[in-house]
Amino acid sequence: MESLYDVQQLFKQFGIYIYVGARIYDIELMTIELKNLYEGRLIDKDTYMTAWRILKREHHIEESRQKGKY
């Protein structure tokens, strides 16, 4: 797992499709859903940590893009 797309494919395996409309909100909701999958013991710790790092990186990128707009 290396990209946000890969994280989305992980969610797809569980029938979870996330689209709020704003990419940063999508990422925030994915972070919540990822935690739920881990706490429900549907994914292991390595998968959780890898996906969490990707989401954190992508969230930071989106924050940087939004700061540049204003």
C-alpha atoms as a PDB file:
ATOM      1  CA  MET A   1       0.000   0.000   0.000  1.00  0.00           C
ATOM      2  CA  GLU A   2       1.592   3.245  -1.161  1.00  0.00           C
ATOM      3  CA  SER A   3      -1.096   5.722  -2.176  1.00  0.00           C
ATOM      4  CA  LEU A   4      -4.495   7.099  -1.268  1.00  0.00           C
ATOM      5  CA  TYR A   5      -5.920   4.988  -4.077  1.00  0.00           C
ATOM      6  CA  ASP A   6      -4.550   1.877  -2.338  1.00  0.00           C
ATOM      7  CA  VAL A   7      -6.261   2.921   0.908  1.00  0.00           C
ATOM      8  CA  GLN A   8      -9.516   3.379  -1.015  1.00  0.00           C
ATOM      9  CA  GLN A   9      -9.112  -0.139  -2.407  1.00  0.00           C
ATOM     10  CA  LEU A  10      -8.697  -1.442   1.150  1.00  0.00           C
ATOM     11  CA  PHE A  11     -12.009   0.165   2.101  1.00  0.00           C
ATOM     12  CA  LYS A  12     -13.631  -1.238  -1.023  1.00  0.00           C
ATOM     13  CA  GLN A  13     -12.850  -4.762   0.232  1.00  0.00           C
ATOM     14  CA  PHE A  14     -15.187  -4.026   3.148  1.00  0.00           C
ATOM     15  CA  GLY A  15     -17.864  -2.342   1.056  1.00  0.00           C
ATOM     16  CA  ILE A  16     -16.877   1.133   2.242  1.00  0.00           C
ATOM     17  CA  TYR A  17     -17.025   3.900  -0.349  1.00  0.00           C
ATOM     18  CA  ILE A  18     -16.180   7.413   0.794  1.00  0.00           C
ATOM     19  CA  TYR A  19     -16.908  10.536  -1.218  1.00  0.00           C
ATOM     20  CA  VAL A  20     -17.862  13.716   0.570  1.00  0.00           C
ATOM     21  CA  GLY A  21     -16.840  16.056  -2.230  1.00  0.00           C
ATOM     22  CA  ALA A  22     -13.849  17.808  -0.726  1.00  0.00           C
ATOM     23  CA  ARG A  23     -10.681  15.729  -0.763  1.00  0.00           C
ATOM     24  CA  ILE A  24      -9.577  16.852   2.704  1.00  0.00           C
ATOM     25  CA  TYR A  25     -12.932  15.798   4.191  1.00  0.00           C
ATOM     26  CA  ASP A  26     -12.712  12.470   2.382  1.00  0.00           C
ATOM     27  CA  ILE A  27      -9.315  11.893   3.991  1.00  0.00           C
ATOM     28  CA  GLU A  28     -10.613  12.831   7.442  1.00  0.00           C
ATOM     29  CA  LEU A  29     -13.553  10.432   7.109  1.00  0.00           C
ATOM     30  CA  MET A  30     -11.212   7.690   5.851  1.00  0.00           C
ATOM     31  CA  THR A  31      -9.092   8.165   8.966  1.00  0.00           C
ATOM     32  CA  ILE A  32     -12.161   7.602  11.158  1.00  0.00           C
ATOM     33  CA  GLU A  33     -13.238   4.549   9.163  1.00  0.00           C
ATOM     34  CA  LEU A  34      -9.708   3.132   9.252  1.00  0.00           C
ATOM     35  CA  LYS A  35      -9.699   3.353  13.042  1.00  0.00           C
ATOM     36  CA  ASN A  36     -13.072   1.595  13.140  1.00  0.00           C
ATOM     37  CA  LEU A  37     -11.752  -1.249  10.978  1.00  0.00           C
ATOM     38  CA  TYR A  38      -8.738  -1.650  13.237  1.00  0.00           C
ATOM     39  CA  GLU A  39     -10.720  -1.481  16.471  1.00  0.00           C
ATOM     40  CA  GLY A  40     -13.144  -4.025  15.028  1.00  0.00           C
ATOM     41  CA  ARG A  41     -10.148  -6.297  14.385  1.00  0.00           C
ATOM     42  CA  LEU A  42     -10.891  -6.447  10.674  1.00  0.00           C
ATOM     43  CA  ILE A  43      -7.371  -5.300   9.763  1.00  0.00           C
ATOM     44  CA  ASP A  44      -4.028  -5.942  11.447  1.00  0.00           C
ATOM     45  CA  LYS A  45      -1.770  -3.341  13.036  1.00  0.00           C
ATOM     46  CA  ASP A  46       0.686  -3.212  10.105  1.00  0.00           C
ATOM     47  CA  THR A  47      -2.115  -2.516   7.633  1.00  0.00           C
ATOM     48  CA  TYR A  48      -3.583   0.092   9.962  1.00  0.00           C
ATOM     49  CA  MET A  49      -0.275   1.902  10.467  1.00  0.00           C
ATOM     50  CA  THR A  50       0.604   1.888   6.766  1.00  0.00           C
ATOM     51  CA  ALA A  51      -2.798   3.258   5.762  1.00  0.00           C
ATOM     52  CA  TRP A  52      -2.726   5.784   8.620  1.00  0.00           C
ATOM     53  CA  ARG A  53       0.656   7.135   7.464  1.00  0.00           C
ATOM     54  CA  ILE A  54      -0.646   7.518   3.914  1.00  0.00           C
ATOM     55  CA  LEU A  55      -3.748   9.352   5.128  1.00  0.00           C
ATOM     56  CA  LYS A  56      -1.676  11.622   7.355  1.00  0.00           C
ATOM     57  CA  ARG A  57       0.664  12.478   4.459  1.00  0.00           C
ATOM     58  CA  GLU A  58      -2.216  13.170   2.082  1.00  0.00           C
ATOM     59  CA  HIS A  59      -3.992  15.306   4.687  1.00  0.00           C
ATOM     60  CA  HIS A  60      -0.848  17.388   5.118  1.00  0.00           C
ATOM     61  CA  ILE A  61      -0.586  17.846   1.341  1.00  0.00           C
ATOM     62  CA  GLU A  62      -4.209  18.990   1.147  1.00  0.00           C
ATOM     63  CA  GLU A  63      -3.724  21.439   4.031  1.00  0.00           C
ATOM     64  CA  SER A  64      -0.724  22.908   2.221  1.00  0.00           C
ATOM     65  CA  ARG A  65      -2.746  23.292  -0.993  1.00  0.00           C
ATOM     66  CA  GLN A  66      -5.569  25.042   0.835  1.00  0.00           C
ATOM     67  CA  LYS A  67      -3.195  27.489   2.541  1.00  0.00           C
ATOM     68  CA  GLY A  68      -1.854  28.430  -0.875  1.00  0.00           C
ATOM     69  CA  LYS A  69      -5.340  29.380  -2.088  1.00  0.00           C
ATOM     70  CA  TYR A  70      -5.841  32.136   0.463  1.00  0.00           C
END
